Protein backbone atom coordinates (compact mmCIF):
# COMPACT_ATOMS: atom_id res chain seq x y z
CA MET A 1 0.00 0.00 0.00
CA THR A 2 1.42 3.41 -0.96
CA GLY A 3 1.84 6.15 1.60
CA GLU A 4 -1.11 8.06 0.15
CA ASN A 5 -3.41 5.04 0.20
CA SER A 6 -2.29 4.24 3.73
CA GLU A 7 -3.14 7.76 4.84
CA THR A 8 -6.56 7.56 3.17
CA ALA A 9 -7.30 4.23 4.89
CA GLN A 10 -6.27 5.71 8.25
CA ASP A 11 -8.55 8.70 7.68
CA THR A 12 -11.43 6.35 6.86
CA ALA A 13 -10.76 4.29 9.98
CA THR A 14 -10.66 7.44 12.11
CA GLU A 15 -13.91 8.77 10.63
CA ALA A 16 -15.71 5.48 11.30
CA PHE A 17 -14.42 5.27 14.85
CA VAL A 18 -15.38 8.86 15.66
CA ALA A 19 -18.83 8.38 14.10
CA HIS A 20 -19.54 5.39 16.34
CA ARG A 21 -17.62 6.46 19.42
CA ASN A 22 -20.65 7.35 21.56
CA LEU A 23 -22.24 4.01 20.71
CA LEU A 24 -19.04 2.10 21.54
CA PHE A 25 -18.63 3.96 24.85
CA THR A 26 -22.22 3.13 25.76
CA VAL A 27 -21.71 -0.57 24.97
CA ALA A 28 -18.54 -0.68 27.09
CA TYR A 29 -20.06 1.32 29.95
CA GLU A 30 -23.19 -0.83 30.12
CA MET A 31 -21.01 -3.93 30.25
CA LEU A 32 -18.58 -2.56 32.83
CA GLY A 33 -20.39 0.06 34.92
CA SER A 34 -17.13 2.01 34.95
CA ALA A 35 -16.53 5.09 32.83
CA ALA A 36 -12.75 4.93 33.26
CA ASP A 37 -12.63 1.28 32.19
CA ALA A 38 -14.98 2.01 29.28
CA GLU A 39 -12.56 4.71 28.09
CA ASP A 40 -9.69 2.21 28.35
CA VAL A 41 -11.69 -0.28 26.29
CA LEU A 42 -12.21 2.36 23.61
CA GLN A 43 -8.46 2.96 23.47
CA GLU A 44 -7.88 -0.77 23.02
CA THR A 45 -10.64 -0.90 20.40
CA TRP A 46 -9.02 1.91 18.44
CA MET A 47 -5.61 0.22 18.52
CA ARG A 48 -7.08 -2.94 17.02
CA TRP A 49 -9.37 -1.10 14.60
CA SER A 50 -6.53 1.04 13.22
CA GLY A 51 -4.71 -2.12 12.15
CA VAL A 52 -7.66 -3.72 10.33
CA ASP A 53 -7.73 -3.97 6.55
CA LEU A 54 -10.95 -2.04 5.89
CA ASP A 55 -11.40 -3.74 2.50
CA THR A 56 -12.28 -6.90 4.43
CA VAL A 57 -14.90 -5.18 6.61
CA ARG A 58 -18.48 -5.48 5.37
CA ASP A 59 -20.18 -3.58 8.22
CA GLN A 60 -17.97 -1.12 10.09
CA ARG A 61 -20.44 -0.54 12.93
CA ALA A 62 -20.87 -4.25 13.61
CA TYR A 63 -17.11 -4.83 13.41
CA LEU A 64 -16.38 -2.04 15.90
CA VAL A 65 -19.07 -3.28 18.29
CA ARG A 66 -17.55 -6.75 18.06
CA ILE A 67 -14.07 -5.49 18.97
CA THR A 68 -15.47 -3.38 21.82
CA THR A 69 -17.50 -6.28 23.21
CA ARG A 70 -14.53 -8.63 23.23
CA GLN A 71 -12.31 -6.07 24.93
CA ALA A 72 -15.03 -5.26 27.48
CA LEU A 73 -15.54 -8.96 28.23
CA SER A 74 -11.85 -9.36 28.92
CA ARG A 75 -11.85 -6.32 31.20
CA LEU A 76 -15.07 -7.45 32.92
CA ARG A 77 -13.35 -10.62 34.08
CA THR A 78 -10.44 -8.56 35.41
CA LEU A 79 -12.87 -6.24 37.20
CA ALA A 80 -14.55 -9.22 38.85
CA ARG A 81 -11.27 -10.12 40.53
CA ARG A 82 -10.71 -6.49 41.55
CA LYS A 83 -14.16 -6.28 43.13
CA GLU A 84 -13.41 -9.25 45.37
CA SER A 85 -10.96 -7.10 47.36
CA TYR A 86 -12.94 -3.85 47.06
CA VAL A 87 -13.58 -2.04 50.34
CA GLY A 88 -17.34 -1.91 51.02
CA SER A 89 -20.06 -1.98 48.37
CA TRP A 90 -19.09 -1.58 44.71
CA LEU A 91 -21.37 0.80 42.79
CA PRO A 92 -21.26 1.82 39.12
CA ALA A 93 -19.48 5.09 38.35
CA PRO A 94 -22.12 7.79 37.78
CA LEU A 95 -22.21 9.70 34.52
CA LEU A 96 -23.46 13.26 34.19
CA THR A 97 -25.65 12.88 31.11
CA ALA A 98 -27.22 15.24 28.60
CA PRO A 99 -31.04 15.73 28.63
CA ASP A 100 -31.45 13.81 25.36
CA VAL A 101 -30.41 10.60 27.13
CA ALA A 102 -33.39 10.92 29.48
CA GLU A 103 -35.66 11.41 26.45
CA ASP A 104 -34.70 7.95 25.16
CA VAL A 105 -36.63 6.05 27.83
CA GLU A 106 -35.23 2.61 26.97
CA LEU A 107 -31.64 3.86 26.91
CA ALA A 108 -32.07 5.78 30.17
CA ASP A 109 -33.54 2.69 31.83
CA SER A 110 -30.68 0.51 30.61
CA VAL A 111 -27.96 2.80 32.04
CA SER A 112 -29.74 3.70 35.27
CA MET A 113 -27.86 2.88 38.46
CA ALA A 114 -30.62 0.46 39.44
CA MET A 115 -30.36 -1.45 36.15
CA LEU A 116 -26.55 -1.49 36.17
CA LEU A 117 -26.68 -3.08 39.61
CA VAL A 118 -29.03 -5.73 38.24
CA LEU A 119 -26.61 -6.34 35.35
CA GLU A 120 -23.87 -6.88 37.95
CA THR A 121 -25.65 -10.09 38.96
CA LEU A 122 -25.20 -11.60 35.47
CA ALA A 123 -22.20 -13.65 34.38
CA PRO A 124 -19.93 -11.76 31.93
CA THR A 125 -21.18 -13.47 28.75
CA GLU A 126 -24.80 -13.20 29.91
CA ARG A 127 -24.32 -9.48 30.48
CA ALA A 128 -22.78 -8.97 27.04
CA VAL A 129 -25.57 -10.90 25.32
CA PHE A 130 -28.30 -9.08 27.26
CA VAL A 131 -26.85 -5.63 26.54
CA LEU A 132 -26.27 -6.28 22.84
CA ARG A 133 -29.68 -7.86 22.31
CA GLU A 134 -32.02 -5.93 24.61
CA VAL A 135 -30.43 -2.49 24.47
CA PHE A 136 -28.79 -2.35 21.03
CA ASP A 137 -31.07 -4.83 19.23
CA LEU A 138 -28.26 -6.73 17.50
CA ASP A 139 -29.29 -9.95 15.79
CA TYR A 140 -28.18 -13.28 17.22
CA ASP A 141 -25.62 -13.93 14.48
CA GLU A 142 -23.85 -10.63 15.21
CA ILE A 143 -23.86 -11.29 18.95
CA ALA A 144 -22.56 -14.83 18.38
CA GLU A 145 -19.52 -13.43 16.57
CA ALA A 146 -18.90 -10.88 19.32
CA VAL A 147 -19.02 -13.37 22.22
CA ASP A 148 -17.57 -16.35 20.31
CA LYS A 149 -20.64 -18.57 20.72
CA THR A 150 -23.04 -20.22 18.29
CA PRO A 151 -26.30 -18.39 17.46
CA VAL A 152 -28.24 -21.23 19.13
CA ALA A 153 -26.21 -20.84 22.33
CA VAL A 154 -26.68 -17.06 22.23
CA ARG A 155 -30.47 -17.47 22.01
CA GLN A 156 -30.40 -19.68 25.11
CA ILE A 157 -28.16 -17.25 26.98
CA ALA A 158 -30.39 -14.32 25.99
CA HIS A 159 -33.50 -16.14 27.25
CA ARG A 160 -31.83 -16.97 30.56
CA ALA A 161 -30.45 -13.44 31.03
CA ARG A 162 -33.79 -11.83 30.14
CA ALA A 163 -35.62 -13.89 32.78
CA HIS A 164 -32.92 -13.15 35.36
CA VAL A 165 -33.11 -9.39 34.78
CA ALA A 166 -36.93 -9.34 34.65
CA SER A 167 -37.13 -10.81 38.15
CA ARG A 168 -34.81 -8.16 39.60
CA ARG A 169 -35.39 -4.93 37.68
CA PRO A 170 -37.63 -2.12 39.02
CA ARG A 171 -41.26 -3.23 39.01
CA GLY A 172 -42.60 -0.60 36.65
CA ALA A 173 -41.52 2.24 34.41
CA VAL A 174 -40.89 5.45 36.34
CA THR A 175 -41.15 8.73 34.45
CA VAL A 176 -38.60 11.50 34.77
CA THR A 177 -41.35 13.73 36.19
CA GLU A 178 -42.23 11.19 38.90
CA THR A 179 -38.58 10.73 39.83
CA ARG A 180 -38.07 14.49 40.08
CA HIS A 181 -41.17 14.80 42.27
CA VAL A 182 -39.96 12.12 44.67
CA LEU A 183 -36.43 13.55 44.76
CA ALA A 184 -37.76 17.05 45.43
CA ALA A 185 -39.69 15.73 48.43
CA PHE A 186 -36.59 13.85 49.57
CA GLN A 187 -34.46 16.99 49.23
CA ARG A 188 -36.95 19.12 51.20
CA ALA A 189 -36.94 16.57 54.01
CA VAL A 190 -33.13 16.47 54.10
CA ASP A 191 -32.77 20.26 53.88
CA THR A 192 -35.18 20.79 56.79
CA GLY A 193 -34.13 17.75 58.81
CA ASP A 194 -37.75 16.55 58.81
CA LEU A 195 -37.53 12.85 59.65
CA GLN A 196 -41.24 12.12 59.16
CA SER A 197 -41.25 13.71 55.71
CA LEU A 198 -38.22 11.59 54.87
CA PHE A 199 -40.06 8.46 56.01
CA ASP A 200 -42.94 9.47 53.71
CA VAL A 201 -40.78 9.00 50.57
CA LEU A 202 -38.81 5.96 51.72
CA ALA A 203 -40.20 2.45 51.21
CA PRO A 204 -40.30 0.40 54.43
CA ASP A 205 -37.66 -1.96 53.00
CA VAL A 206 -35.46 0.75 51.41
CA VAL A 207 -31.78 -0.19 51.04
CA LEU A 208 -28.89 2.30 51.24
CA LEU A 209 -25.60 1.37 49.56
CA GLY A 210 -22.48 3.50 49.90
CA ASP A 211 -19.29 3.41 47.85
CA GLY A 212 -16.25 5.21 49.21
CA GLY A 213 -13.76 2.75 47.75
CA GLY A 214 -11.74 2.85 50.96
CA ILE A 215 -10.88 6.47 50.15
CA LYS A 216 -13.92 8.30 51.53
CA HIS A 217 -16.05 7.34 54.51
CA ALA A 218 -19.15 5.39 53.49
CA VAL A 219 -21.33 2.62 54.90
CA LEU A 220 -19.45 -0.63 54.36
CA ARG A 221 -22.53 -2.83 54.30
CA PRO A 222 -26.08 -2.27 53.02
CA VAL A 223 -28.36 -0.45 55.47
CA THR A 224 -31.95 -1.68 55.29
CA GLY A 225 -35.22 -0.20 56.52
CA ALA A 226 -36.70 3.31 56.41
CA ASP A 227 -36.05 4.00 60.09
CA LYS A 228 -32.35 3.08 59.97
CA VAL A 229 -31.74 4.75 56.61
CA GLY A 230 -33.61 7.96 57.46
CA ARG A 231 -31.94 8.45 60.83
CA LEU A 232 -28.50 7.62 59.41
CA LEU A 233 -28.86 10.15 56.59
CA LEU A 234 -29.99 13.01 58.81
CA ALA A 235 -27.42 12.23 61.51
CA GLY A 236 -24.61 12.05 58.96
CA LEU A 237 -25.54 15.31 57.25
CA GLY A 238 -26.03 16.99 60.61
CA ARG A 239 -22.33 16.46 61.38
CA VAL A 240 -21.19 18.20 58.17
CA THR A 241 -21.32 21.93 57.51
CA GLY A 242 -21.05 23.81 54.24
CA TRP A 243 -22.72 21.20 52.05
CA GLU A 244 -25.14 21.93 49.22
CA LEU A 245 -27.64 19.52 47.69
CA GLY A 246 -28.92 19.93 44.15
CA PRO A 247 -30.59 18.03 41.29
CA VAL A 248 -28.63 16.58 38.36
CA LEU A 249 -29.20 14.14 35.51
CA VAL A 250 -27.11 11.05 36.18
CA ASN A 251 -27.16 8.02 33.88
CA GLY A 252 -30.18 9.47 32.12
CA CYS A 253 -32.18 9.76 35.35
CA PRO A 254 -32.77 12.55 37.90
CA ALA A 255 -30.44 12.26 40.89
CA LEU A 256 -28.94 14.47 43.58
CA VAL A 257 -25.40 15.72 44.04
CA PHE A 258 -23.88 16.78 47.35
CA ARG A 259 -21.25 19.48 47.00
CA LEU A 260 -18.85 20.39 49.79
CA ASP A 261 -17.07 23.71 49.39
CA GLY A 262 -18.19 23.74 45.75
CA GLU A 263 -16.70 20.34 44.90
CA VAL A 264 -18.71 17.21 44.09
CA ASP A 265 -18.54 15.04 47.21
CA THR A 266 -21.33 12.51 46.71
CA VAL A 267 -23.69 11.50 43.93
CA LEU A 268 -26.95 10.03 45.19
CA ALA A 269 -28.95 7.99 42.70
CA VAL A 270 -32.23 6.27 43.53
CA ARG A 271 -34.42 3.35 42.61
CA ILE A 272 -38.15 4.04 42.78
CA ASP A 273 -40.90 1.44 42.94
CA ASP A 274 -44.60 2.32 43.32
CA GLY A 275 -43.79 5.97 44.06
CA LEU A 276 -41.38 5.28 46.92
CA ILE A 277 -37.59 5.14 47.11
CA THR A 278 -36.54 1.51 47.44
CA GLY A 279 -32.83 2.01 46.73
CA LEU A 280 -30.38 4.79 47.57
CA TYR A 281 -26.94 4.60 45.95
CA ALA A 282 -24.35 7.01 47.37
CA VAL A 283 -21.13 7.16 45.35
CA ARG A 284 -18.29 8.96 47.16
CA ASN A 285 -15.20 7.30 45.69
CA PRO A 286 -13.39 10.24 43.99
CA GLU A 287 -12.06 7.93 41.28
CA LYS A 288 -15.65 7.26 40.21
CA LEU A 289 -16.73 10.91 40.16
CA SER A 290 -14.34 12.04 37.40
CA HIS A 291 -17.08 12.01 34.74
CA MET A 292 -19.28 14.41 36.73
CA GLY A 293 -17.46 17.45 35.38
CA GLN A 294 -19.10 17.48 31.96
CA GLU A 295 -22.11 15.99 30.24
CA ASN A 296 -21.61 12.62 28.57
CA THR A 297 -23.48 11.68 25.39
CA LEU A 298 -24.68 8.09 25.18
CA SER A 299 -26.28 6.50 22.12
CA ARG A 300 -27.68 3.28 20.72
């Protein structure tokens, strides 16, 4: 290949990668729950993609998704070992997302903190198959190539993963408006220290998970029950001065961010079932808050 042809091929490869970058990041993030690891996967994807003979590629999008999926699967297995020694609960890294993500209801649901925690309960290949099929609507043949399985095996895995997720995901669709309404009530209760008002928005069996990663103070084990969770939240905030609480869009869903001296200290995402908060997810690990500085664009 001449220098000119080589340069043209590289330009074409770059254009294709850039065109699909948001999609590839979303695939990697949904598989990993970690923005930093998803970025690393994209770097690895680019390195492999830049060495591909594009004349042999029939569908650039499918090829790129295949590379990304394989790299994410490899990293997912490494992450599993890392999580075994993680201090306290492991929560997905929150992403500050643009409003258009919330407008795509299916996409917002698939990247919500509650759904990512459900996906954590799947085996790596099950998670890849579920994400590629249910979120990105890839056909079974494409998925089979990406996960190195037969189409028949992929169908079986997809069926099993779908049933597994269905039994654990939030019980019904929650609108952005409903989530904002519940969070506003939660914020008023926290701002005023009104314990009864806090109880009014917490489900009796609400679960609080905290992730400080051994760097910031956080609950090391799940705290269950409205009474325990409500009293813990108000007591903890009562000991801190100078904090501000405000609404944000995180992972396509309304959430709250605690700022201390103007810096993001904690992102609080929620799971809502039947109008009440059933899950509170407090991410404090600074390494997981790096993508809260600017809006991230996700796509399918």
